[in-house]
């Protein structure tokens, strides 16, 4: 599965770190990893223990279901 809500992350999910008005999804990457995320999609490089796919528009990538293998 894929999600942009850290509370919904389950083992093996892809977490899309969407930057919002008040919060940045990148701030929740450690929690997403703790909950079992297998990959992060973000608009910038994030130093973490799992693969990070850097895209120019995280919302568009989520809407299209895009992520590389």
C-alpha atoms as a PDB file:
ATOM      1  CA  UNK A   1       0.000   0.000   0.000  1.00  0.00           C
ATOM      2  CA  UNK A   2       0.911   3.637  -0.226  1.00  0.00           C
ATOM      3  CA  UNK A   3      -0.125   6.416   2.102  1.00  0.00           C
ATOM      4  CA  UNK A   4       0.606  10.010   2.972  1.00  0.00           C
ATOM      5  CA  UNK A   5      -0.812   9.669   6.493  1.00  0.00           C
ATOM      6  CA  UNK A   6       1.764   8.305   8.930  1.00  0.00           C
ATOM      7  CA  UNK A   7      -0.970   6.888  11.191  1.00  0.00           C
ATOM      8  CA  UNK A   8      -1.993   4.588   8.312  1.00  0.00           C
ATOM      9  CA  UNK A   9       1.489   3.170   7.631  1.00  0.00           C
ATOM     10  CA  UNK A  10       1.752  -0.609   7.941  1.00  0.00           C
ATOM     11  CA  UNK A  11       4.600  -3.042   7.342  1.00  0.00           C
ATOM     12  CA  UNK A  12       5.817  -2.839   3.735  1.00  0.00           C
ATOM     13  CA  UNK A  13       4.021   0.410   2.822  1.00  0.00           C
ATOM     14  CA  UNK A  14       5.373   3.342   0.831  1.00  0.00           C
ATOM     15  CA  UNK A  15       5.126   6.628   2.722  1.00  0.00           C
ATOM     16  CA  UNK A  16       4.692   9.815   0.671  1.00  0.00           C
ATOM     17  CA  UNK A  17       6.158  12.705   2.683  1.00  0.00           C
ATOM     18  CA  UNK A  18       3.844  15.486   1.559  1.00  0.00           C
ATOM     19  CA  UNK A  19       4.687  19.018   2.674  1.00  0.00           C
ATOM     20  CA  UNK A  20       1.602  20.727   4.090  1.00  0.00           C
ATOM     21  CA  UNK A  21       0.776  24.236   5.223  1.00  0.00           C
ATOM     22  CA  UNK A  22       1.562  23.573   8.882  1.00  0.00           C
ATOM     23  CA  UNK A  23       3.534  20.315   8.846  1.00  0.00           C
ATOM     24  CA  UNK A  24       6.094  18.650   6.613  1.00  0.00           C
ATOM     25  CA  UNK A  25       5.618  14.941   5.971  1.00  0.00           C
ATOM     26  CA  UNK A  26       9.388  14.547   6.110  1.00  0.00           C
ATOM     27  CA  UNK A  27       9.156  15.194   9.848  1.00  0.00           C
ATOM     28  CA  UNK A  28       7.226  11.926  10.157  1.00  0.00           C
ATOM     29  CA  UNK A  29       9.714   9.717   8.297  1.00  0.00           C
ATOM     30  CA  UNK A  30      11.220   8.222  11.488  1.00  0.00           C
ATOM     31  CA  UNK A  31       7.754   7.211  12.681  1.00  0.00           C
ATOM     32  CA  UNK A  32       6.856   5.814   9.248  1.00  0.00           C
ATOM     33  CA  UNK A  33      10.013   3.678   9.352  1.00  0.00           C
ATOM     34  CA  UNK A  34       9.235   2.548  12.885  1.00  0.00           C
ATOM     35  CA  UNK A  35       5.771   1.494  11.703  1.00  0.00           C
ATOM     36  CA  UNK A  36       7.266  -0.560   8.856  1.00  0.00           C
ATOM     37  CA  UNK A  37       7.452   1.663   5.778  1.00  0.00           C
ATOM     38  CA  UNK A  38       9.672   0.107   3.099  1.00  0.00           C
ATOM     39  CA  UNK A  39      10.230   3.251   1.031  1.00  0.00           C
ATOM     40  CA  UNK A  40       9.796   7.013   1.298  1.00  0.00           C
ATOM     41  CA  UNK A  41       8.792   9.344  -1.521  1.00  0.00           C
ATOM     42  CA  UNK A  42       9.823  12.952  -0.864  1.00  0.00           C
ATOM     43  CA  UNK A  43      10.703  16.179  -2.670  1.00  0.00           C
ATOM     44  CA  UNK A  44      14.212  16.215  -1.205  1.00  0.00           C
ATOM     45  CA  UNK A  45      16.853  13.793  -0.050  1.00  0.00           C
ATOM     46  CA  UNK A  46      16.276  12.390   3.427  1.00  0.00           C
ATOM     47  CA  UNK A  47      19.003  10.555   5.298  1.00  0.00           C
ATOM     48  CA  UNK A  48      17.364   7.427   6.676  1.00  0.00           C
ATOM     49  CA  UNK A  49      17.692   3.644   6.809  1.00  0.00           C
ATOM     50  CA  UNK A  50      15.334   2.851   3.904  1.00  0.00           C
ATOM     51  CA  UNK A  51      15.270   3.920   0.237  1.00  0.00           C
ATOM     52  CA  UNK A  52      14.063   7.436  -0.554  1.00  0.00           C
ATOM     53  CA  UNK A  53      12.673   8.274  -3.995  1.00  0.00           C
ATOM     54  CA  UNK A  54      13.108  11.985  -4.702  1.00  0.00           C
ATOM     55  CA  UNK A  55      10.430  13.494  -6.953  1.00  0.00           C
ATOM     56  CA  UNK A  56       9.631  17.077  -7.875  1.00  0.00           C
ATOM     57  CA  UNK A  57       5.975  16.866  -6.796  1.00  0.00           C
ATOM     58  CA  UNK A  58       5.046  14.391  -4.056  1.00  0.00           C
ATOM     59  CA  UNK A  59       1.310  15.081  -4.343  1.00  0.00           C
ATOM     60  CA  UNK A  60       1.347  14.372  -8.079  1.00  0.00           C
ATOM     61  CA  UNK A  61       3.390  11.203  -7.545  1.00  0.00           C
ATOM     62  CA  UNK A  62       0.858  10.023  -4.945  1.00  0.00           C
ATOM     63  CA  UNK A  63      -2.117  10.860  -7.180  1.00  0.00           C
ATOM     64  CA  UNK A  64      -0.603   8.941 -10.080  1.00  0.00           C
ATOM     65  CA  UNK A  65       0.517   6.089  -7.860  1.00  0.00           C
ATOM     66  CA  UNK A  66       4.008   6.594  -9.202  1.00  0.00           C
ATOM     67  CA  UNK A  67       7.095   5.122  -7.636  1.00  0.00           C
ATOM     68  CA  UNK A  68      10.088   3.486  -9.293  1.00  0.00           C
ATOM     69  CA  UNK A  69      11.255  -0.023  -8.423  1.00  0.00           C
END
